[in-house]
Amino acid sequence: MHEFSFAEQVLEGIITELGPYPEAKVVRIRLRAAPALAIEPASLRFALESLSEGTPAEGAKIEIEKGEAQAECPKCGRIDAPATPDSICPKCGKPGLSPAEAELIIEEIELDG
């Protein structure tokens, strides 16, 4: 279950962001997961709920959005909508877009206090 390793990273990132706000409690966490990660939202939510016990994120509402697959231009680095390998970059005109790196992004952390 790779969701637990993702949950550990997310929780670590949240705790780091809370540094300047030691008394704050996390009430909502919004994440975006790239499809290539093959994350099962229910499993990730369970992992986050389990790992957050005893932390400022305990009891937070967890929202997980499925991101869209994206493609990256090997020449200019533009990241755009999904494309096939024979697609042409809309910015520089170079053919051969490749799948962009898959990411799990913390979109928003809502605090109380």
Protein backbone atom coordinates (compact mmCIF):
# COMPACT_ATOMS: atom_id res chain seq x y z
CA MET A 1 0.00 0.00 0.00
CA HIS A 2 2.10 2.93 -1.29
CA GLU A 3 -0.49 5.40 -0.05
CA PHE A 4 1.09 5.30 3.42
CA SER A 5 4.42 6.57 2.09
CA PHE A 6 2.60 9.38 0.28
CA ALA A 7 0.63 10.15 3.44
CA GLU A 8 3.87 10.39 5.45
CA GLN A 9 5.28 12.88 2.95
CA VAL A 10 2.08 14.94 2.94
CA LEU A 11 1.92 15.04 6.73
CA GLU A 12 5.60 16.02 6.93
CA GLY A 13 4.95 18.88 4.49
CA ILE A 14 1.94 20.07 6.48
CA ILE A 15 3.85 20.02 9.78
CA THR A 16 6.68 22.01 8.13
CA GLU A 17 4.21 24.62 6.86
CA LEU A 18 2.74 24.95 10.36
CA GLY A 19 6.12 26.04 11.78
CA PRO A 20 5.20 29.75 12.08
CA TYR A 21 1.79 28.84 13.55
CA PRO A 22 2.50 26.55 16.54
CA GLU A 23 -1.00 26.88 18.01
CA ALA A 24 -2.88 26.29 14.74
CA LYS A 25 -5.05 23.27 14.05
CA VAL A 26 -5.53 21.95 10.53
CA VAL A 27 -9.23 21.75 9.65
CA ARG A 28 -8.98 20.91 5.94
CA ILE A 29 -6.37 19.49 3.57
CA ARG A 30 -6.86 19.63 -0.20
CA LEU A 31 -4.60 17.44 -2.36
CA ARG A 32 -4.24 16.87 -6.11
CA ALA A 33 -2.89 13.52 -7.32
CA ALA A 34 -1.58 12.84 -10.81
CA PRO A 35 -3.25 9.81 -12.43
CA ALA A 36 0.13 8.16 -13.03
CA LEU A 37 0.58 7.74 -9.27
CA ALA A 38 -2.34 5.28 -9.19
CA ILE A 39 -3.39 6.51 -5.77
CA GLU A 40 -6.58 5.11 -4.32
CA PRO A 41 -8.21 8.14 -2.62
CA ALA A 42 -9.88 6.08 0.12
CA SER A 43 -6.58 4.41 1.01
CA LEU A 44 -4.71 7.72 1.06
CA ARG A 45 -7.43 9.27 3.23
CA PHE A 46 -7.26 6.31 5.65
CA ALA A 47 -3.45 6.57 5.81
CA LEU A 48 -3.56 10.31 6.50
CA GLU A 49 -6.22 9.90 9.17
CA SER A 50 -4.19 7.16 10.87
CA LEU A 51 -0.85 8.96 10.71
CA SER A 52 -2.24 12.34 11.78
CA GLU A 53 -3.44 11.10 15.18
CA GLY A 54 -1.83 13.24 17.87
CA THR A 55 -0.76 15.94 15.38
CA PRO A 56 -2.30 19.33 14.53
CA ALA A 57 -3.81 17.64 11.45
CA GLU A 58 -5.83 15.11 13.45
CA GLY A 59 -9.49 15.23 12.45
CA ALA A 60 -8.91 17.44 9.40
CA LYS A 61 -11.25 17.06 6.45
CA ILE A 62 -9.25 15.52 3.59
CA GLU A 63 -10.15 16.30 -0.02
CA ILE A 64 -8.35 14.46 -2.81
CA GLU A 65 -8.74 15.54 -6.42
CA LYS A 66 -7.56 13.48 -9.36
CA GLY A 67 -5.31 15.66 -11.49
CA GLU A 68 -5.14 15.47 -15.25
CA ALA A 69 -2.37 13.70 -17.11
CA GLN A 70 0.06 16.24 -18.55
CA ALA A 71 2.83 16.28 -21.12
CA GLU A 72 6.16 18.11 -20.99
CA CYS A 73 8.18 19.56 -23.86
CA PRO A 74 11.79 18.30 -23.85
CA LYS A 75 13.01 21.56 -25.40
CA CYS A 76 11.31 24.42 -23.55
CA GLY A 77 9.88 22.56 -20.54
CA ARG A 78 6.29 23.72 -21.04
CA ILE A 79 3.82 21.49 -19.27
CA ASP A 80 0.51 21.20 -21.05
CA ALA A 81 -2.52 18.99 -21.47
CA PRO A 82 -1.94 15.33 -22.24
CA ALA A 83 -0.40 14.59 -25.58
CA THR A 84 0.81 11.73 -27.70
CA PRO A 85 4.54 11.36 -28.47
CA ASP A 86 3.99 12.82 -31.94
CA SER A 87 2.31 15.97 -30.56
CA ILE A 88 3.89 19.36 -31.16
CA CYS A 89 4.57 21.81 -28.33
CA PRO A 90 2.23 24.81 -28.63
CA LYS A 91 4.97 27.12 -27.29
CA CYS A 92 8.14 26.24 -29.22
CA GLY A 93 6.89 23.90 -31.97
CA LYS A 94 9.15 20.96 -31.05
CA PRO A 95 7.59 17.52 -31.58
CA GLY A 96 7.85 14.65 -29.12
CA LEU A 97 6.09 15.71 -25.92
CA SER A 98 6.60 13.22 -23.09
CA PRO A 99 4.51 12.52 -19.99
CA ALA A 100 5.17 15.07 -17.24
CA GLU A 101 6.41 13.94 -13.84
CA ALA A 102 3.65 12.54 -11.65
CA GLU A 103 3.06 14.53 -8.48
CA LEU A 104 0.98 14.59 -5.34
CA ILE A 105 0.46 18.26 -4.55
CA ILE A 106 -0.77 19.88 -1.35
CA GLU A 107 -3.10 22.45 -2.92
CA GLU A 108 -4.41 23.98 0.30
CA ILE A 109 -4.13 23.71 4.08
CA GLU A 110 -6.93 25.40 6.00
CA LEU A 111 -6.16 26.34 9.59
CA ASP A 112 -8.20 27.27 12.63
CA GLY A 113 -6.43 29.48 15.14
